[in-house]
Amino acid sequence: MKAAFVTRYGGPEVLEIGDAPIPEPGPDQVLVRVRCIGLNFADIVGRFGAYPGTPKPPYIPGLEFSGDVVQIGPRVMKFSGRERIMGYSKLGSHAEYVLVNQYYATVIPEKMTYEEGASFLVSMLSAYHGLVRLANLRTGERLLVHAAAGGVGLASLQIGRHLNAEVFATAGTDAKTDLARSFGAHHVINYTTTSFDAEVQRITDGAGVDVVMDSVGGEVFKKSWPLLAPMGRYLMLGVSSMTTADGNLTRAMIADAYEQMKPIFPPSLIHINKAIFGFNLGLIAGKERYFEQAATELLTWYNLGVIRPLVGKVFPFEQIVEAHRYLQNRQSMGKVVVAVSP
């Protein structure tokens, strides 16, 4: 099979397409003929070697896909071997075939395309886990979503609106803030032209917000943490500020981003009545049944028209380097997808 390998840690140019053997499924695994790959910022950070659990090169990256089941392991009960599915593989989806644990995959709804299937699970599960499971977002609460035009951002806007929260969204262009508004944000802020923290304080008359969904970190965290109201919950799911606008990433950039997020003294949380949650979908083990249940509820919401993925741009597999560069340079709105086969 053809596969894209990370040949060494670095920028998009370290990806090279080569040959690899088709893997054999284990007892609980499903072998899938990949149709589309969904790109995530974790793929970018992992390619630089800055993501926990990233193997040493060469390796096949990629944690999200859609495709067709072609073979199942002996303990697989969810699939018969002919379904269209979407899944979360942790690694290996940048290829014509990928293995996935049966509990991290689900059948694609009939009205959903392969491109949409590759754009659904990771973003929606991340937003669901953060807002529903961790933050317990309630009716009437205020939610602030950063990087609102990305996959997780758009998912968070829709889920926040569905849960009857007052939704604030930040993004870096007017086109992105317009998109955020169309996906459910009540208030949108272009952080390149307006100080988002001052604007949130103005709109809320100094009361702040109850929940923050932050995949940016760095200075954004520094400005957002004081916006959290008493009994507020801060959700940290990434530090995309480690990269510059042109997509570079160095140890100095990582250090600078971390420096702006000074360690929080735990006893201080008692006196200010705030909580902070960190989560990483790729490092959660032993929760297969929970994510299966979460995916079931998300698909119910999808079928009801409550949530939908947005495919921002589709690249052919031969242009996977350009696809990585496009996502890394923060040009994307919605999900960046790579089509492996028609």
Protein backbone atom coordinates (compact mmCIF):
# COMPACT_ATOMS: atom_id res chain seq x y z
CA MET A 1 0.00 0.00 0.00
CA LYS A 2 0.99 3.63 -0.39
CA ALA A 3 1.60 5.58 2.81
CA ALA A 4 2.97 8.97 3.84
CA PHE A 5 5.90 8.63 6.25
CA VAL A 6 7.38 11.15 8.65
CA THR A 7 11.02 10.57 7.71
CA ARG A 8 12.41 12.90 10.40
CA TYR A 9 10.99 15.49 12.75
CA GLY A 10 10.31 18.83 11.10
CA GLY A 11 8.14 20.79 8.70
CA PRO A 12 5.77 19.48 6.02
CA GLU A 13 8.70 18.64 3.74
CA VAL A 14 9.68 15.69 5.97
CA LEU A 15 6.60 13.79 4.72
CA GLU A 16 7.38 11.32 1.95
CA ILE A 17 5.06 8.89 0.19
CA GLY A 18 6.37 5.34 0.01
CA ASP A 19 5.34 1.69 0.18
CA ALA A 20 4.33 -0.23 3.28
CA PRO A 21 2.81 -3.66 3.92
CA ILE A 22 -0.94 -3.86 4.47
CA PRO A 23 -1.35 -4.52 8.22
CA GLU A 24 -3.23 -7.49 9.66
CA PRO A 25 -6.01 -6.80 12.19
CA GLY A 26 -5.64 -7.98 15.77
CA PRO A 27 -8.49 -9.57 17.73
CA ASP A 28 -10.40 -6.29 18.36
CA GLN A 29 -9.22 -4.44 15.27
CA VAL A 30 -10.73 -3.56 11.91
CA LEU A 31 -8.77 -3.14 8.68
CA VAL A 32 -10.09 -0.21 6.68
CA ARG A 33 -9.54 0.86 3.09
CA VAL A 34 -9.02 4.58 3.64
CA ARG A 35 -11.08 6.95 1.51
CA CYS A 36 -10.34 10.25 3.26
CA ILE A 37 -7.98 11.51 5.98
CA GLY A 38 -8.99 14.24 8.40
CA LEU A 39 -6.03 16.43 9.37
CA ASN A 40 -5.69 17.66 12.94
CA PHE A 41 -3.24 20.03 14.60
CA ALA A 42 -1.97 17.07 16.60
CA ASP A 43 -0.61 15.70 13.29
CA ILE A 44 1.39 18.91 12.91
CA VAL A 45 2.79 18.98 16.44
CA GLY A 46 3.56 15.25 16.28
CA ARG A 47 5.46 15.71 13.04
CA PHE A 48 7.74 18.14 14.87
CA GLY A 49 8.28 15.56 17.62
CA ALA A 50 6.58 17.81 20.18
CA TYR A 51 3.50 15.66 20.81
CA PRO A 52 3.49 13.14 23.71
CA GLY A 53 3.66 9.55 22.54
CA THR A 54 4.96 10.36 19.05
CA PRO A 55 7.16 7.48 17.82
CA LYS A 56 10.61 7.97 16.40
CA PRO A 57 10.76 8.39 12.60
CA PRO A 58 10.10 6.82 10.26
CA TYR A 59 6.43 6.29 11.09
CA ILE A 60 3.03 6.70 9.44
CA PRO A 61 1.13 9.56 11.13
CA GLY A 62 -2.57 10.35 11.14
CA LEU A 63 -5.35 9.82 13.66
CA GLU A 64 -8.60 10.35 11.75
CA PHE A 65 -10.10 8.79 8.63
CA SER A 66 -13.14 7.50 6.78
CA GLY A 67 -13.27 4.42 4.60
CA ASP A 68 -14.56 0.91 4.00
CA VAL A 69 -14.17 -2.12 6.25
CA VAL A 70 -12.32 -4.89 4.40
CA GLN A 71 -11.33 -7.28 7.21
CA ILE A 72 -12.20 -7.75 10.89
CA GLY A 73 -10.50 -9.41 13.85
CA PRO A 74 -12.00 -12.49 15.52
CA ARG A 75 -13.47 -10.57 18.49
CA VAL A 76 -15.02 -7.76 16.45
CA MET A 77 -18.78 -7.65 16.91
CA LYS A 78 -19.64 -4.13 15.73
CA PHE A 79 -18.94 -4.67 12.04
CA SER A 80 -19.53 -7.46 9.54
CA GLY A 81 -16.86 -6.44 7.06
CA ARG A 82 -18.72 -4.33 4.49
CA GLU A 83 -19.55 -1.05 6.26
CA ARG A 84 -18.61 2.54 5.49
CA ILE A 85 -17.02 3.78 8.71
CA MET A 86 -15.21 6.72 10.23
CA GLY A 87 -12.67 6.24 12.95
CA TYR A 88 -9.94 7.44 15.25
CA SER A 89 -6.71 5.50 14.85
CA LYS A 90 -4.18 7.46 16.98
CA LEU A 91 -1.57 6.77 14.26
CA GLY A 92 -1.40 5.32 10.77
CA SER A 93 -4.27 6.95 8.86
CA HIS A 94 -1.95 8.63 6.30
CA ALA A 95 -2.14 5.51 4.17
CA GLU A 96 -4.33 3.46 1.85
CA TYR A 97 -5.16 1.04 4.69
CA VAL A 98 -5.33 1.57 8.45
CA LEU A 99 -6.11 -0.48 11.55
CA VAL A 100 -8.56 0.80 14.15
CA ASN A 101 -9.92 -0.57 17.42
CA GLN A 102 -13.60 -1.41 16.87
CA TYR A 103 -14.66 0.88 19.72
CA TYR A 104 -12.98 3.91 18.12
CA ALA A 105 -14.95 3.60 14.89
CA THR A 106 -18.58 3.93 13.90
CA VAL A 107 -20.74 3.55 10.80
CA ILE A 108 -21.04 6.68 8.65
CA PRO A 109 -24.67 7.87 8.36
CA GLU A 110 -26.11 7.35 4.91
CA LYS A 111 -26.39 11.07 4.17
CA MET A 112 -22.80 11.80 5.28
CA THR A 113 -19.99 11.81 2.69
CA TYR A 114 -16.55 10.28 3.19
CA GLU A 115 -15.11 13.81 3.37
CA GLU A 116 -17.54 14.73 6.13
CA GLY A 117 -16.90 11.43 7.89
CA ALA A 118 -13.18 12.22 8.05
CA SER A 119 -14.09 15.60 9.58
CA PHE A 120 -16.47 14.42 12.29
CA LEU A 121 -15.22 12.20 15.10
CA VAL A 122 -12.08 13.86 16.50
CA SER A 123 -13.45 17.40 16.49
CA MET A 124 -16.88 16.46 17.78
CA LEU A 125 -15.56 14.06 20.45
CA SER A 126 -13.08 16.70 21.66
CA ALA A 127 -15.79 19.35 21.95
CA TYR A 128 -18.25 16.90 23.52
CA HIS A 129 -15.78 15.59 26.08
CA GLY A 130 -14.72 19.09 27.04
CA LEU A 131 -18.10 20.80 27.22
CA VAL A 132 -20.42 17.97 28.26
CA ARG A 133 -18.28 15.64 30.35
CA LEU A 134 -15.70 17.98 31.93
CA ALA A 135 -17.26 21.46 32.00
CA ASN A 136 -20.87 20.29 32.41
CA LEU A 137 -21.95 23.37 30.46
CA ARG A 138 -25.43 24.49 31.55
CA THR A 139 -28.26 26.58 30.14
CA GLY A 140 -27.58 30.30 30.36
CA GLU A 141 -23.87 30.01 31.04
CA ARG A 142 -21.32 31.92 28.97
CA LEU A 143 -18.88 30.00 26.79
CA LEU A 144 -15.76 31.51 25.17
CA VAL A 145 -14.32 29.51 22.24
CA HIS A 146 -10.89 30.36 20.82
CA ALA A 147 -9.79 29.32 17.30
CA ALA A 148 -13.49 29.19 16.60
CA ALA A 149 -13.22 28.60 12.83
CA GLY A 150 -11.29 25.33 13.16
CA GLY A 151 -12.74 21.84 13.45
CA VAL A 152 -12.93 21.71 17.26
CA GLY A 153 -13.92 25.36 17.41
CA LEU A 154 -16.92 24.93 15.10
CA ALA A 155 -17.93 21.78 16.96
CA SER A 156 -17.77 23.68 20.26
CA LEU A 157 -19.91 26.52 18.92
CA GLN A 158 -22.63 24.14 17.79
CA ILE A 159 -22.65 22.09 20.98
CA GLY A 160 -22.55 25.24 23.10
CA ARG A 161 -25.52 26.69 21.23
CA HIS A 162 -27.39 23.36 21.56
CA LEU A 163 -26.81 23.41 25.32
CA ASN A 164 -28.33 26.91 25.43
CA ALA A 165 -25.15 28.73 26.40
CA GLU A 166 -24.31 32.30 25.43
CA VAL A 167 -21.45 31.71 23.01
CA PHE A 168 -18.45 34.00 22.43
CA ALA A 169 -16.02 33.22 19.60
CA THR A 170 -12.59 34.55 18.64
CA ALA A 171 -10.82 34.15 15.29
CA GLY A 172 -8.17 35.95 13.26
CA THR A 173 -10.05 37.21 10.20
CA ASP A 174 -13.45 38.67 9.43
CA ALA A 175 -14.22 35.68 7.21
CA LYS A 176 -13.57 33.37 10.15
CA THR A 177 -15.69 35.40 12.56
CA ASP A 178 -18.50 35.44 9.99
CA LEU A 179 -18.22 31.64 9.79
CA ALA A 180 -18.29 31.38 13.59
CA ARG A 181 -21.47 33.44 13.72
CA SER A 182 -23.11 31.20 11.12
CA PHE A 183 -22.27 28.17 13.31
CA GLY A 184 -23.93 29.52 16.42
CA ALA A 185 -21.79 32.20 18.07
CA HIS A 186 -23.75 35.05 19.61
CA HIS A 187 -20.70 37.32 19.87
CA VAL A 188 -17.69 37.21 17.52
CA ILE A 189 -14.35 38.95 18.01
CA ASN A 190 -11.55 39.37 15.47
CA TYR A 191 -8.56 39.30 17.81
CA THR A 192 -6.28 40.96 15.22
CA THR A 193 -8.35 44.16 15.31
CA THR A 194 -9.96 44.04 18.76
CA SER A 195 -8.64 43.11 22.19
CA PHE A 196 -10.75 40.06 22.88
CA ASP A 197 -10.39 40.20 26.66
CA ALA A 198 -11.49 43.84 26.85
CA GLU A 199 -14.40 43.10 24.51
CA VAL A 200 -15.59 40.14 26.59
CA GLN A 201 -15.41 42.28 29.72
CA ARG A 202 -17.39 45.01 27.97
CA ILE A 203 -20.12 42.68 26.69
CA THR A 204 -20.48 40.90 30.04
CA ASP A 205 -20.24 44.14 32.06
CA GLY A 206 -17.20 42.74 33.83
CA ALA A 207 -18.81 39.43 34.82
CA GLY A 208 -16.65 37.31 32.50
CA VAL A 209 -17.47 33.82 31.22
CA ASP A 210 -18.23 30.46 32.82
CA VAL A 211 -16.33 28.18 30.43
CA VAL A 212 -13.33 28.73 28.14
CA MET A 213 -12.42 26.30 25.35
CA ASP A 214 -8.76 26.99 24.52
CA SER A 215 -6.64 25.16 21.93
CA VAL A 216 -4.25 28.10 21.49
CA GLY A 217 -2.60 28.71 24.85
CA GLY A 218 0.31 31.09 25.35
CA GLU A 219 -0.80 34.73 25.48
CA VAL A 220 -4.41 33.66 24.84
CA PHE A 221 -4.38 31.70 28.09
CA LYS A 222 -2.75 34.62 29.91
CA LYS A 223 -5.59 36.92 28.83
CA SER A 224 -8.41 34.39 29.16
CA TRP A 225 -7.78 32.99 32.64
CA PRO A 226 -8.75 36.31 34.34
CA LEU A 227 -11.99 36.31 32.30
CA LEU A 228 -13.18 33.18 34.07
CA ALA A 229 -16.01 33.92 36.51
CA PRO A 230 -16.24 32.28 39.95
CA MET A 231 -17.12 28.58 39.53
CA GLY A 232 -15.71 28.85 36.00
CA ARG A 233 -14.08 25.96 34.12
CA TYR A 234 -11.11 26.35 31.80
CA LEU A 235 -10.60 23.66 29.13
CA MET A 236 -7.07 23.34 27.76
CA LEU A 237 -6.82 21.03 24.75
CA GLY A 238 -3.85 22.33 22.79
CA VAL A 239 -1.13 24.95 22.45
CA SER A 240 -1.22 25.97 18.79
CA SER A 241 0.48 29.25 19.75
CA MET A 242 3.73 27.25 19.74
CA THR A 243 3.80 27.77 15.97
CA THR A 244 4.13 31.09 14.19
CA ALA A 245 1.77 32.35 11.50
CA ASP A 246 4.08 30.92 8.82
CA GLY A 247 4.03 27.52 10.48
CA ASN A 248 7.48 27.39 12.05
CA LEU A 249 8.04 25.66 15.37
CA THR A 250 11.21 25.75 17.46
CA ARG A 251 12.12 24.99 21.06
CA ALA A 252 12.27 28.75 21.69
CA MET A 253 8.68 29.14 20.48
CA ILE A 254 7.55 26.30 22.71
CA ALA A 255 9.36 27.86 25.68
CA ASP A 256 7.79 31.26 25.00
CA ALA A 257 4.28 29.80 24.79
CA TYR A 258 4.79 27.92 28.04
CA GLU A 259 6.35 30.94 29.77
CA GLN A 260 3.13 32.88 29.23
CA MET A 261 1.18 30.13 30.99
CA LYS A 262 2.85 30.33 34.37
CA PRO A 263 2.14 27.36 36.67
CA ILE A 264 -1.06 27.75 38.65
CA PHE A 265 -0.69 27.33 42.41
CA PRO A 266 -3.36 24.70 43.26
CA PRO A 267 -4.46 26.14 46.64
CA SER A 268 -5.24 29.43 44.89
CA LEU A 269 -8.02 27.66 42.98
CA ILE A 270 -9.85 27.17 46.27
CA HIS A 271 -10.05 30.88 46.95
CA ILE A 272 -10.98 31.97 43.43
CA ASN A 273 -13.43 29.10 42.80
CA LYS A 274 -12.03 28.19 39.38
CA ALA A 275 -11.12 24.89 37.76
CA ILE A 276 -8.83 23.97 34.90
CA PHE A 277 -9.06 20.77 32.86
CA GLY A 278 -6.52 19.44 30.42
CA PHE A 279 -7.32 16.66 28.02
CA ASN A 280 -5.77 14.94 25.06
CA LEU A 281 -7.94 12.58 23.06
CA GLY A 282 -4.88 10.75 21.77
CA LEU A 283 -3.66 9.82 25.25
CA ILE A 284 -6.91 8.51 26.73
CA ALA A 285 -6.80 4.75 27.16
CA GLY A 286 -9.32 2.34 28.62
CA LYS A 287 -12.32 4.54 27.86
CA GLU A 288 -13.45 2.84 24.67
CA ARG A 289 -17.02 2.26 25.84
CA TYR A 290 -17.39 5.87 26.94
CA PHE A 291 -16.29 7.20 23.56
CA GLU A 292 -18.57 4.72 21.83
CA GLN A 293 -21.49 6.11 23.84
CA ALA A 294 -20.39 9.70 23.14
CA ALA A 295 -20.18 8.99 19.41
CA THR A 296 -23.69 7.53 19.50
CA GLU A 297 -25.09 10.70 21.10
CA LEU A 298 -23.19 12.90 18.64
CA LEU A 299 -24.62 10.99 15.69
CA THR A 300 -28.10 11.41 17.17
CA TRP A 301 -27.47 15.16 17.25
CA TYR A 302 -26.17 15.00 13.68
CA ASN A 303 -29.28 13.19 12.46
CA LEU A 304 -31.43 15.81 14.19
CA GLY A 305 -29.53 18.59 12.42
CA VAL A 306 -28.03 19.97 15.64
CA ILE A 307 -24.39 19.58 14.56
CA ARG A 308 -22.57 19.17 11.27
CA PRO A 309 -18.93 19.03 10.22
CA LEU A 310 -17.52 21.58 7.80
CA VAL A 311 -15.12 20.36 5.13
CA GLY A 312 -12.97 23.39 4.46
CA LYS A 313 -10.59 22.16 1.76
CA VAL A 314 -9.82 18.80 0.15
CA PHE A 315 -6.38 17.82 -1.16
CA PRO A 316 -5.49 14.69 -3.17
CA PHE A 317 -3.19 12.21 -1.42
CA GLU A 318 -0.32 13.18 -3.72
CA GLN A 319 -0.49 16.69 -2.22
CA ILE A 320 -0.43 15.65 1.43
CA VAL A 321 2.63 17.85 2.03
CA GLU A 322 0.69 20.87 0.78
CA ALA A 323 -2.29 19.85 2.95
CA HIS A 324 -0.09 19.81 6.06
CA ARG A 325 1.39 23.17 5.12
CA TYR A 326 -2.06 24.67 4.57
CA LEU A 327 -3.25 23.59 8.03
CA GLN A 328 0.02 24.53 9.72
CA ASN A 329 -0.04 28.05 8.26
CA ARG A 330 -3.49 28.62 9.80
CA GLN A 331 -5.16 29.25 6.47
CA SER A 332 -7.95 26.76 7.04
CA MET A 333 -11.57 27.19 8.01
CA GLY A 334 -13.31 23.97 8.98
CA LYS A 335 -11.54 20.69 8.45
CA VAL A 336 -8.67 20.02 6.05
CA VAL A 337 -9.24 16.67 4.32
CA VAL A 338 -6.96 14.51 2.17
CA ALA A 339 -8.71 12.22 -0.34
CA VAL A 340 -6.85 8.93 -0.58
CA SER A 341 -9.11 7.24 -3.11
CA PRO A 342 -12.32 8.18 -4.95
